[in-house]
């Protein structure tokens, strides 16, 4: 059984803050099972973006945990924001969490393909 999105996001924010990195919820999604997108702002005009991993990439053990796919690596921040706007039009229940870290650390345990 998977953790509720709201609980996962709360724990993720706590982990980032515990590492001394600022993170905040930009858009609050569905409490139970909203998709979670993580934007890592490198504070130099670029950003990394992590999206929920497609279920087809996950085996049975990984399906219960939150896994993420690296969508953009050090892409232009306006392009990442435009991608998120398109995703919001498709799914209004999604979560967007923004992390600010010059080193680009993401603190995500389950990153796949």
Protein backbone atom coordinates (compact mmCIF):
# COMPACT_ATOMS: atom_id res chain seq x y z
CA UNK A 1 0.00 0.00 0.00
CA UNK A 2 1.31 3.42 -0.97
CA UNK A 3 1.51 6.43 1.36
CA UNK A 4 -0.96 9.23 0.77
CA UNK A 5 0.50 11.98 -1.39
CA UNK A 6 0.03 14.59 1.33
CA UNK A 7 1.97 12.50 3.85
CA UNK A 8 4.77 11.74 1.37
CA UNK A 9 5.12 15.45 0.50
CA UNK A 10 5.22 16.42 4.19
CA UNK A 11 7.98 13.90 4.86
CA UNK A 12 9.88 15.05 1.75
CA UNK A 13 9.72 18.71 2.83
CA UNK A 14 10.98 17.74 6.28
CA UNK A 15 13.88 15.81 4.75
CA UNK A 16 14.89 18.74 2.53
CA UNK A 17 14.68 21.19 5.42
CA UNK A 18 16.69 18.79 7.60
CA UNK A 19 19.43 18.91 4.96
CA UNK A 20 19.39 22.72 5.10
CA UNK A 21 17.68 23.11 1.72
CA UNK A 22 14.58 25.23 1.14
CA UNK A 23 11.60 23.36 -0.32
CA UNK A 24 7.98 24.40 -0.64
CA UNK A 25 4.70 23.21 -2.12
CA UNK A 26 3.91 25.28 -5.23
CA UNK A 27 0.66 23.46 -5.95
CA UNK A 28 -1.27 21.28 -3.57
CA UNK A 29 -2.90 18.29 -5.22
CA UNK A 30 -5.21 15.47 -4.21
CA UNK A 31 -4.58 14.33 -0.62
CA UNK A 32 -4.87 10.62 -1.32
CA UNK A 33 -3.17 9.90 -4.63
CA UNK A 34 -2.24 13.07 -6.51
CA UNK A 35 0.78 12.77 -8.82
CA UNK A 36 3.88 14.48 -7.39
CA UNK A 37 6.31 16.53 -9.49
CA UNK A 38 9.60 17.73 -7.99
CA UNK A 39 11.30 20.79 -9.49
CA UNK A 40 14.87 21.39 -8.35
CA UNK A 41 15.70 25.04 -8.99
CA UNK A 42 19.48 25.41 -9.33
CA UNK A 43 19.19 29.21 -8.83
CA UNK A 44 21.14 29.89 -12.03
CA UNK A 45 18.25 29.90 -14.50
CA UNK A 46 18.20 26.11 -14.84
CA UNK A 47 16.15 23.42 -13.14
CA UNK A 48 15.81 19.66 -12.93
CA UNK A 49 12.37 18.07 -13.08
CA UNK A 50 11.27 14.75 -11.67
CA UNK A 51 7.87 13.25 -12.50
CA UNK A 52 6.11 10.09 -11.39
CA UNK A 53 7.75 7.11 -13.08
CA UNK A 54 5.57 5.25 -15.58
CA UNK A 55 4.14 2.14 -13.94
CA UNK A 56 5.45 0.02 -16.83
CA UNK A 57 9.03 0.72 -15.67
CA UNK A 58 8.40 -0.60 -12.17
CA UNK A 59 8.52 -4.15 -10.91
CA UNK A 60 6.10 -5.44 -8.25
CA UNK A 61 8.34 -4.39 -5.32
CA UNK A 62 8.79 -0.84 -6.62
CA UNK A 63 5.09 -0.33 -7.41
CA UNK A 64 4.22 0.23 -3.74
CA UNK A 65 6.87 2.94 -3.28
CA UNK A 66 6.98 6.37 -4.89
CA UNK A 67 9.34 6.28 -7.86
CA UNK A 68 10.33 9.16 -10.07
CA UNK A 69 11.59 9.62 -13.58
CA UNK A 70 14.15 12.33 -14.42
CA UNK A 71 12.34 14.42 -17.04
CA UNK A 72 14.77 17.33 -17.42
CA UNK A 73 18.37 17.75 -16.30
CA UNK A 74 19.57 21.35 -15.95
CA UNK A 75 16.98 22.58 -18.43
CA UNK A 76 16.02 26.21 -18.84
CA UNK A 77 13.73 27.13 -15.95
CA UNK A 78 11.05 28.73 -18.19
CA UNK A 79 10.86 25.48 -20.19
CA UNK A 80 10.41 23.45 -17.01
CA UNK A 81 7.68 25.84 -15.83
CA UNK A 82 5.93 25.58 -19.23
CA UNK A 83 6.00 21.78 -18.95
CA UNK A 84 4.39 21.99 -15.51
CA UNK A 85 1.67 24.33 -16.82
CA UNK A 86 0.83 21.76 -19.52
CA UNK A 87 0.71 19.00 -16.89
CA UNK A 88 -1.66 21.08 -14.72
CA UNK A 89 -4.05 21.42 -17.66
CA UNK A 90 -4.02 17.63 -18.03
CA UNK A 91 -4.24 16.81 -14.30
CA UNK A 92 -5.42 19.48 -11.86
CA UNK A 93 -4.91 17.13 -8.88
CA UNK A 94 -1.12 17.02 -9.15
CA UNK A 95 1.36 18.24 -6.56
CA UNK A 96 4.32 20.47 -7.44
CA UNK A 97 7.16 20.77 -4.95
CA UNK A 98 10.02 23.18 -5.64
CA UNK A 99 13.44 22.66 -4.08
CA UNK A 100 16.10 25.39 -4.22
CA UNK A 101 19.63 24.02 -4.28
CA UNK A 102 22.61 25.29 -6.28
CA UNK A 103 24.14 21.80 -6.27
CA UNK A 104 20.96 20.28 -7.73
CA UNK A 105 20.43 17.79 -4.90
CA UNK A 106 16.98 16.23 -5.06
CA UNK A 107 16.79 13.95 -1.96
CA UNK A 108 14.58 11.48 -3.87
CA UNK A 109 15.28 7.84 -3.06
CA UNK A 110 13.42 6.19 -5.94
CA UNK A 111 14.63 7.62 -9.26
CA UNK A 112 14.28 5.27 -12.24
CA UNK A 113 15.10 5.60 -15.94
